[in-house]
Protein backbone atom coordinates (compact mmCIF):
# COMPACT_ATOMS: atom_id res chain seq x y z
CA UNK A 1 -48.74 -24.99 14.20
CA UNK A 2 -51.16 -22.84 12.20
CA UNK A 3 -51.23 -23.86 8.55
CA UNK A 4 -50.27 -21.05 6.15
CA UNK A 5 -52.19 -20.44 2.94
CA UNK A 6 -48.99 -19.47 1.16
CA UNK A 7 -47.72 -23.02 1.53
CA UNK A 8 -50.52 -24.21 -0.76
CA UNK A 9 -49.48 -21.73 -3.45
CA UNK A 10 -45.81 -22.62 -3.16
CA UNK A 11 -46.42 -26.36 -3.33
CA UNK A 12 -48.10 -25.84 -6.72
CA UNK A 13 -44.97 -24.12 -8.08
CA UNK A 14 -42.30 -26.51 -6.83
CA UNK A 15 -40.02 -28.38 -9.24
CA UNK A 16 -40.62 -26.13 -12.23
CA UNK A 17 -37.01 -25.06 -12.63
CA UNK A 18 -37.47 -21.66 -10.99
CA UNK A 19 -36.40 -20.07 -7.72
CA UNK A 20 -39.21 -19.37 -5.27
CA UNK A 21 -38.75 -16.07 -3.41
CA UNK A 22 -40.71 -15.40 -0.20
CA UNK A 23 -40.54 -11.86 1.15
CA UNK A 24 -42.48 -10.06 3.84
CA UNK A 25 -42.22 -8.29 7.19
CA UNK A 26 -40.00 -9.59 9.94
CA UNK A 27 -41.51 -12.04 12.42
CA UNK A 28 -44.40 -13.25 10.20
CA UNK A 29 -43.23 -16.87 10.04
CA UNK A 30 -41.10 -17.16 6.89
CA UNK A 31 -38.52 -19.37 8.64
CA UNK A 32 -41.32 -21.51 10.06
CA UNK A 33 -42.74 -21.88 6.55
CA UNK A 34 -39.37 -23.22 5.36
CA UNK A 35 -39.51 -25.81 8.14
CA UNK A 36 -43.01 -26.79 7.02
CA UNK A 37 -41.79 -27.24 3.43
CA UNK A 38 -38.91 -29.40 4.64
CA UNK A 39 -41.17 -31.51 6.83
CA UNK A 40 -43.70 -32.07 4.05
CA UNK A 41 -41.14 -32.99 1.41
CA UNK A 42 -39.72 -36.46 0.87
CA UNK A 43 -36.75 -34.90 -0.97
CA UNK A 44 -33.33 -34.40 0.61
CA UNK A 45 -33.17 -30.85 1.97
CA UNK A 46 -30.31 -28.43 2.65
CA UNK A 47 -31.01 -25.34 4.79
CA UNK A 48 -28.71 -22.31 4.73
CA UNK A 49 -29.32 -19.62 7.37
CA UNK A 50 -27.68 -16.44 6.12
CA UNK A 51 -27.54 -14.97 9.62
CA UNK A 52 -24.49 -17.25 9.96
CA UNK A 53 -21.24 -15.58 8.78
CA UNK A 54 -19.79 -18.76 7.29
CA UNK A 55 -22.95 -19.30 5.23
CA UNK A 56 -22.75 -15.73 3.90
CA UNK A 57 -19.13 -16.28 2.89
CA UNK A 58 -20.04 -19.54 1.18
CA UNK A 59 -22.77 -17.87 -0.91
CA UNK A 60 -20.88 -14.69 -1.80
CA UNK A 61 -19.48 -15.00 -5.33
CA UNK A 62 -19.16 -18.80 -5.44
CA UNK A 63 -18.37 -20.71 -8.62
CA UNK A 64 -20.85 -23.16 -10.08
CA UNK A 65 -18.35 -25.91 -9.22
CA UNK A 66 -18.35 -24.89 -5.55
CA UNK A 67 -22.14 -24.71 -5.49
CA UNK A 68 -22.37 -28.15 -7.08
CA UNK A 69 -20.13 -29.61 -4.38
CA UNK A 70 -22.06 -27.92 -1.57
CA UNK A 71 -25.46 -29.07 -2.85
CA UNK A 72 -24.55 -32.50 -4.21
CA UNK A 73 -26.49 -34.34 -1.49
CA UNK A 74 -29.61 -32.15 -1.64
CA UNK A 75 -32.62 -31.80 -3.92
CA UNK A 76 -34.38 -29.03 -1.99
CA UNK A 77 -32.24 -25.99 -1.13
CA UNK A 78 -33.71 -23.53 1.40
CA UNK A 79 -31.96 -20.18 1.92
CA UNK A 80 -33.20 -18.07 4.85
CA UNK A 81 -32.59 -14.29 5.20
CA UNK A 82 -31.01 -14.17 1.75
CA UNK A 83 -30.81 -10.37 1.71
CA UNK A 84 -27.77 -10.64 4.00
CA UNK A 85 -25.68 -12.12 1.16
CA UNK A 86 -24.03 -9.65 -1.18
CA UNK A 87 -24.95 -10.27 -4.84
CA UNK A 88 -27.24 -13.14 -3.85
CA UNK A 89 -29.03 -12.78 -7.20
CA UNK A 90 -25.98 -13.98 -9.13
CA UNK A 91 -25.59 -16.97 -6.79
CA UNK A 92 -29.24 -17.92 -7.26
CA UNK A 93 -28.89 -17.57 -11.04
CA UNK A 94 -25.94 -20.00 -11.00
CA UNK A 95 -27.98 -22.47 -8.94
CA UNK A 96 -31.06 -22.43 -11.14
CA UNK A 97 -29.15 -22.40 -14.45
CA UNK A 98 -26.64 -25.14 -13.57
CA UNK A 99 -28.80 -27.40 -11.40
CA UNK A 100 -32.34 -27.23 -12.86
CA UNK A 101 -33.39 -30.45 -11.12
CA UNK A 102 -32.93 -28.85 -7.72
CA UNK A 103 -35.56 -26.64 -6.13
CA UNK A 104 -34.36 -23.42 -4.49
CA UNK A 105 -36.59 -21.56 -2.02
CA UNK A 106 -35.40 -18.22 -0.64
CA UNK A 107 -36.75 -15.94 2.10
CA UNK A 108 -35.92 -12.33 2.83
CA UNK A 109 -37.23 -9.70 5.23
CA UNK A 110 -36.04 -6.70 3.26
CA UNK A 111 -37.68 -6.12 -0.09
CA UNK A 112 -35.40 -3.10 -0.41
CA UNK A 113 -32.15 -5.06 -0.40
CA UNK A 114 -33.39 -8.31 -1.89
CA UNK A 115 -35.21 -6.78 -4.84
CA UNK A 116 -32.17 -4.71 -5.79
CA UNK A 117 -29.97 -7.80 -6.00
CA UNK A 118 -32.30 -10.40 -7.55
CA UNK A 119 -34.55 -8.66 -10.06
CA UNK A 120 -32.14 -8.49 -13.00
CA UNK A 121 -30.24 -11.80 -12.51
CA UNK A 122 -33.46 -13.76 -11.94
CA UNK A 123 -35.58 -12.29 -14.73
CA UNK A 124 -37.80 -15.15 -15.92
CA UNK A 125 -36.30 -17.50 -13.35
CA UNK A 126 -38.41 -16.88 -10.24
CA UNK A 127 -41.82 -16.95 -8.61
CA UNK A 128 -42.14 -14.28 -5.93
CA UNK A 129 -44.61 -14.21 -3.04
CA UNK A 130 -45.29 -11.96 -0.08
CA UNK A 131 -46.02 -13.47 3.32
CA UNK A 132 -48.10 -11.47 5.79
CA UNK A 133 -49.11 -11.80 9.44
CA UNK A 134 -51.78 -14.45 9.91
CA UNK A 135 -54.79 -13.82 7.69
CA UNK A 136 -58.37 -14.04 8.90
CA UNK A 137 -58.86 -17.12 6.74
CA UNK A 138 -55.87 -18.90 8.30
CA UNK A 139 -57.17 -18.13 11.78
CA UNK A 140 -60.71 -19.21 10.91
CA UNK A 141 -59.38 -22.50 9.55
CA UNK A 142 -57.46 -23.03 12.78
CA UNK A 143 -59.91 -21.81 15.44
CA UNK A 144 -63.28 -21.86 13.66
CA UNK A 145 -65.55 -19.07 12.42
CA UNK A 146 -67.46 -18.72 15.70
CA UNK A 147 -64.38 -18.33 17.90
CA UNK A 148 -62.78 -15.90 15.48
CA UNK A 149 -65.90 -13.76 15.51
CA UNK A 150 -65.69 -13.71 19.31
CA UNK A 151 -62.04 -12.63 19.04
CA UNK A 152 -62.74 -9.85 16.52
CA UNK A 153 -62.18 -6.99 18.97
CA UNK A 154 -58.87 -8.54 19.99
CA UNK A 155 -57.80 -8.69 16.33
CA UNK A 156 -58.73 -5.03 15.84
CA UNK A 157 -56.67 -4.02 18.88
CA UNK A 158 -53.69 -6.39 18.74
CA UNK A 159 -53.53 -7.59 15.13
CA UNK A 160 -52.44 -11.02 13.98
CA UNK A 161 -48.66 -11.37 14.08
CA UNK A 162 -47.88 -15.02 14.91
CA UNK A 163 -46.21 -14.17 18.22
CA UNK A 164 -49.24 -12.12 19.23
CA UNK A 165 -51.75 -14.81 18.31
CA UNK A 166 -49.77 -17.65 19.86
CA UNK A 167 -49.16 -15.91 23.20
CA UNK A 168 -52.43 -14.42 24.40
CA UNK A 169 -51.97 -12.17 27.40
CA UNK A 170 -48.55 -10.99 26.19
CA UNK A 171 -49.78 -8.88 23.25
CA UNK A 172 -48.54 -5.49 24.45
CA UNK A 173 -45.08 -6.71 25.34
CA UNK A 174 -44.78 -8.57 22.03
CA UNK A 175 -45.93 -5.61 19.93
CA UNK A 176 -43.73 -3.14 21.79
CA UNK A 177 -40.71 -5.36 21.14
CA UNK A 178 -41.67 -5.83 17.49
CA UNK A 179 -42.08 -2.11 16.84
CA UNK A 180 -38.98 -1.04 18.76
CA UNK A 181 -36.59 -3.78 17.62
CA UNK A 182 -37.57 -5.27 14.27
CA UNK A 183 -40.10 -3.44 12.21
CA UNK A 184 -38.08 -0.70 10.54
CA UNK A 185 -34.61 -2.12 11.09
CA UNK A 186 -34.05 -2.48 7.34
CA UNK A 187 -34.85 1.19 6.70
CA UNK A 188 -32.28 2.55 9.13
CA UNK A 189 -29.48 0.65 7.39
CA UNK A 190 -30.57 1.67 3.91
CA UNK A 191 -29.61 4.74 1.89
CA UNK A 192 -29.80 8.07 3.66
CA UNK A 193 -32.09 7.83 6.68
CA UNK A 194 -30.08 9.90 9.13
CA UNK A 195 -32.75 10.50 11.78
CA UNK A 196 -34.65 7.40 12.86
CA UNK A 197 -36.85 9.52 15.13
CA UNK A 198 -38.30 11.20 12.03
CA UNK A 199 -39.51 7.81 10.77
CA UNK A 200 -41.20 7.23 14.12
CA UNK A 201 -42.86 10.65 14.04
CA UNK A 202 -44.04 10.04 10.48
CA UNK A 203 -45.53 6.69 11.48
CA UNK A 204 -47.36 8.30 14.39
CA UNK A 205 -48.80 10.93 12.06
CA UNK A 206 -49.89 8.27 9.57
CA UNK A 207 -51.39 6.11 12.33
CA UNK A 208 -53.62 9.03 13.26
CA UNK A 209 -54.72 9.45 9.63
CA UNK A 210 -55.83 5.88 8.84
CA UNK A 211 -58.96 6.12 6.72
CA UNK A 212 -58.22 9.72 5.71
CA UNK A 213 -56.51 11.08 2.63
CA UNK A 214 -52.82 11.76 3.09
CA UNK A 215 -51.05 14.91 1.95
CA UNK A 216 -47.27 14.73 1.54
CA UNK A 217 -47.09 18.51 1.75
CA UNK A 218 -49.04 18.64 5.01
CA UNK A 219 -46.97 15.85 6.55
CA UNK A 220 -43.81 17.63 5.45
CA UNK A 221 -44.85 20.88 7.13
CA UNK A 222 -45.71 19.00 10.33
CA UNK A 223 -42.39 17.14 10.44
CA UNK A 224 -40.12 19.84 8.98
CA UNK A 225 -39.39 17.80 5.83
CA UNK A 226 -39.85 18.36 2.13
CA UNK A 227 -42.77 16.56 0.51
CA UNK A 228 -40.25 14.61 -1.61
CA UNK A 229 -38.53 13.32 1.56
CA UNK A 230 -41.89 12.34 3.07
CA UNK A 231 -42.76 10.45 -0.10
CA UNK A 232 -39.39 8.67 -0.06
CA UNK A 233 -39.77 7.62 3.57
CA UNK A 234 -43.28 6.32 2.96
CA UNK A 235 -41.98 4.38 -0.03
CA UNK A 236 -39.31 2.78 2.20
CA UNK A 237 -41.96 1.91 4.80
CA UNK A 238 -44.05 0.27 2.08
CA UNK A 239 -41.06 -1.73 0.83
CA UNK A 240 -40.45 -2.85 4.42
CA UNK A 241 -44.08 -4.05 4.64
CA UNK A 242 -45.12 -1.66 7.40
CA UNK A 243 -47.56 0.28 5.23
CA UNK A 244 -49.44 0.06 1.95
CA UNK A 245 -51.57 2.57 0.06
CA UNK A 246 -54.79 2.83 -1.93
CA UNK A 247 -55.19 5.32 -4.75
CA UNK A 248 -58.41 7.14 -5.49
CA UNK A 249 -60.59 5.82 -8.31
CA UNK A 250 -61.36 8.23 -11.11
CA UNK A 251 -62.88 7.74 -14.52
CA UNK A 252 -65.92 9.88 -15.35
CA UNK A 253 -66.81 12.46 -12.72
CA UNK A 254 -65.14 15.86 -13.02
CA UNK A 255 -65.17 16.45 -9.27
CA UNK A 256 -63.48 13.14 -8.38
CA UNK A 257 -60.21 13.32 -6.48
CA UNK A 258 -57.76 12.02 -9.03
CA UNK A 259 -54.38 11.95 -7.29
CA UNK A 260 -55.32 11.33 -3.69
CA UNK A 261 -54.21 8.36 -1.62
CA UNK A 262 -54.89 6.68 1.69
CA UNK A 263 -52.27 4.89 3.79
CA UNK A 264 -53.01 1.72 5.76
CA UNK A 265 -50.98 -0.49 8.08
CA UNK A 266 -50.46 -4.16 7.30
CA UNK A 267 -51.39 -4.94 10.90
CA UNK A 268 -53.75 -3.24 13.35
CA UNK A 269 -51.60 -4.20 16.32
CA UNK A 270 -48.58 -2.43 14.84
CA UNK A 271 -50.66 0.69 14.26
CA UNK A 272 -51.90 0.70 17.86
CA UNK A 273 -48.41 -0.04 19.22
CA UNK A 274 -47.01 2.98 17.41
CA UNK A 275 -49.60 5.13 19.21
CA UNK A 276 -49.37 3.16 22.46
CA UNK A 277 -53.17 2.89 22.51
CA UNK A 278 -54.91 -0.41 23.25
CA UNK A 279 -58.09 0.91 24.83
CA UNK A 280 -61.20 -1.29 24.29
CA UNK A 281 -63.43 -0.33 21.40
CA UNK A 282 -66.20 1.15 23.56
CA UNK A 283 -63.73 3.72 24.92
CA UNK A 284 -62.23 4.73 21.56
CA UNK A 285 -63.09 7.41 19.04
CA UNK A 286 -61.20 5.67 16.20
CA UNK A 287 -63.13 2.40 16.01
CA UNK A 288 -64.25 3.18 12.46
CA UNK A 289 -60.64 3.71 11.37
CA UNK A 290 -59.54 0.46 13.04
CA UNK A 291 -62.38 -1.42 11.34
CA UNK A 292 -61.49 0.04 7.95
CA UNK A 293 -57.78 -0.73 8.35
CA UNK A 294 -58.52 -4.29 9.45
CA UNK A 295 -60.91 -5.04 6.60
CA UNK A 296 -58.74 -3.55 3.86
CA UNK A 297 -55.55 -5.21 5.13
CA UNK A 298 -57.35 -8.57 5.39
CA UNK A 299 -58.83 -8.16 1.91
CA UNK A 300 -55.34 -7.38 0.63
CA UNK A 301 -54.06 -10.65 2.14
CA UNK A 302 -57.00 -12.56 0.69
CA UNK A 303 -56.37 -11.11 -2.77
CA UNK A 304 -52.63 -11.80 -2.62
CA UNK A 305 -53.12 -15.43 -1.62
CA UNK A 306 -55.78 -16.01 -4.28
CA UNK A 307 -54.07 -14.49 -7.34
CA UNK A 308 -56.46 -11.54 -7.66
CA UNK A 309 -55.78 -9.64 -10.88
CA UNK A 310 -58.10 -6.69 -10.44
CA UNK A 311 -57.27 -3.29 -8.94
CA UNK A 312 -58.25 -1.75 -5.61
CA UNK A 313 -59.20 1.86 -4.85
CA UNK A 314 -61.25 4.17 -2.69
CA UNK A 315 -63.57 6.81 -4.21
CA UNK A 316 -64.23 10.37 -3.13
CA UNK A 317 -65.34 13.65 -4.68
CA UNK A 318 -64.55 17.23 -3.76
CA UNK A 319 -68.04 17.37 -2.21
CA UNK A 320 -66.99 14.58 0.22
CA UNK A 321 -69.13 11.91 -1.40
CA UNK A 322 -67.25 8.67 -0.86
CA UNK A 323 -67.02 4.89 -1.10
CA UNK A 324 -64.68 3.19 1.36
CA UNK A 325 -63.34 0.55 -1.01
CA UNK A 326 -63.68 -0.45 -4.68
CA UNK A 327 -62.39 -3.40 -6.65
CA UNK A 328 -62.31 -3.11 -10.42
CA UNK A 329 -62.31 -6.44 -12.23
CA UNK A 330 -64.11 -8.24 -15.07
CA UNK A 331 -65.55 -4.95 -16.32
CA UNK A 332 -67.54 -4.35 -13.11
CA UNK A 333 -66.90 -2.06 -10.14
CA UNK A 334 -67.48 -3.77 -6.79
CA UNK A 335 -68.11 -1.12 -4.13
CA UNK A 336 -67.98 -1.68 -0.37
CA UNK A 337 -68.89 0.40 2.67
CA UNK A 338 -67.52 -0.55 6.08
CA UNK A 339 -69.72 -0.06 9.14
CA UNK A 340 -68.92 -1.26 12.66
CA UNK A 341 -72.57 -0.89 13.60
CA UNK A 342 -74.82 -3.46 11.92
CA UNK A 343 -77.83 -1.14 12.24
CA UNK A 344 -76.47 1.43 9.78
CA UNK A 345 -77.43 0.78 6.15
CA UNK A 346 -75.72 3.35 3.90
CA UNK A 347 -76.44 3.75 0.22
CA UNK A 348 -74.29 4.69 -2.71
CA UNK A 349 -74.64 8.27 -3.90
CA UNK A 350 -76.47 8.98 -7.14
CA UNK A 351 -73.27 10.52 -8.49
CA UNK A 352 -71.55 7.13 -8.29
CA UNK A 353 -74.48 4.97 -9.39
CA UNK A 354 -75.28 7.16 -12.39
CA UNK A 355 -71.64 7.43 -13.47
CA UNK A 356 -70.86 3.73 -13.02
CA UNK A 357 -74.01 1.70 -13.67
CA UNK A 358 -72.06 -1.57 -13.91
CA UNK A 359 -71.41 -2.06 -10.23
CA UNK A 360 -72.23 -4.13 -7.17
CA UNK A 361 -72.58 -2.74 -3.66
CA UNK A 362 -72.05 -4.43 -0.28
CA UNK A 363 -72.09 -3.11 3.27
CA UNK A 364 -69.54 -4.98 5.38
CA UNK A 365 -70.21 -5.18 9.12
CA UNK A 366 -69.34 -7.59 11.97
CA UNK A 367 -72.18 -9.88 10.92
CA UNK A 368 -70.89 -10.59 7.40
CA UNK A 369 -67.20 -9.58 7.46
CA UNK A 370 -65.88 -13.15 7.23
CA UNK A 371 -67.28 -13.55 3.74
CA UNK A 372 -65.51 -10.33 2.71
CA UNK A 373 -62.10 -11.34 4.09
CA UNK A 374 -62.30 -15.03 3.12
CA UNK A 375 -64.72 -15.29 0.20
CA UNK A 376 -63.70 -17.02 -3.00
CA UNK A 377 -62.72 -14.93 -6.01
């Protein structure tokens, strides 16, 4: 069983009188993480799976007296798929306020539903974490740096969902099932998404634009939607942990793009499954986009698991001068260029270096990428 970095973070926050919330995409191992926490603890544990109807009834509008009776034999209370319980936030508030010596850990696949019900009741009463598909660091710890470097092309093509990593040879079947059955299930049951096929068409359009700036107006014209509807759908896809975005960096240069954004997928395998394209890298014309998506998504995981407090951007001017990725922290801009070929050695433009003299610059390629996706803060 591959050890998860998030477990280390959670262990540091246990028994502080607050609920621990774990959200993230479906099928990334949140239930498995609960089992790990139970196995590692010497406390008495109670596990509630909210897929079960009787559990949902038990947790819907209970009294503190009823909760006390149900949890009297347990110190560690684990609630899986909590978004299925109506008004779960109030129930969690009763637990943490009335039984402060107990530790409650909650998982949920839908940030849309769960956030709506827990944010207000649990203000000041929770630690919240996002769990992702396996990170490069987790896989390197498990398989070693050399083997992971050998598997790099496979990661770019098939991603790192646990089911994909743990069942080599079945990647296409696993990803097809994930994309068709699980990935956007929460969106279709939420609000006013009347045409699921539009979501699929939008995802295909975004998959083809990885590494490029995204225009809501252009996507709307392509799909026959208003730009506001496109923006709403993308927001739902972000809250369901299918996508995330980077904004453009702008501070000094008049010609900088100030309101532009790029969209990335949390997992390369999901992106390729949406397009149905798993060709090897030497037969592809989008290797650069796959490399960029992989590096930025892995850096995002690394930052999330290491309490990174800076901000992330890309940089581009109207004259098409660009930097693939920037992190702004401690008063310094850290600029990165991503190159699949180790022989290419790009330089920063004078526009950037003159405008932002306090900066570092690194070219990330297959020879040094592990430091970028695993390096210490």
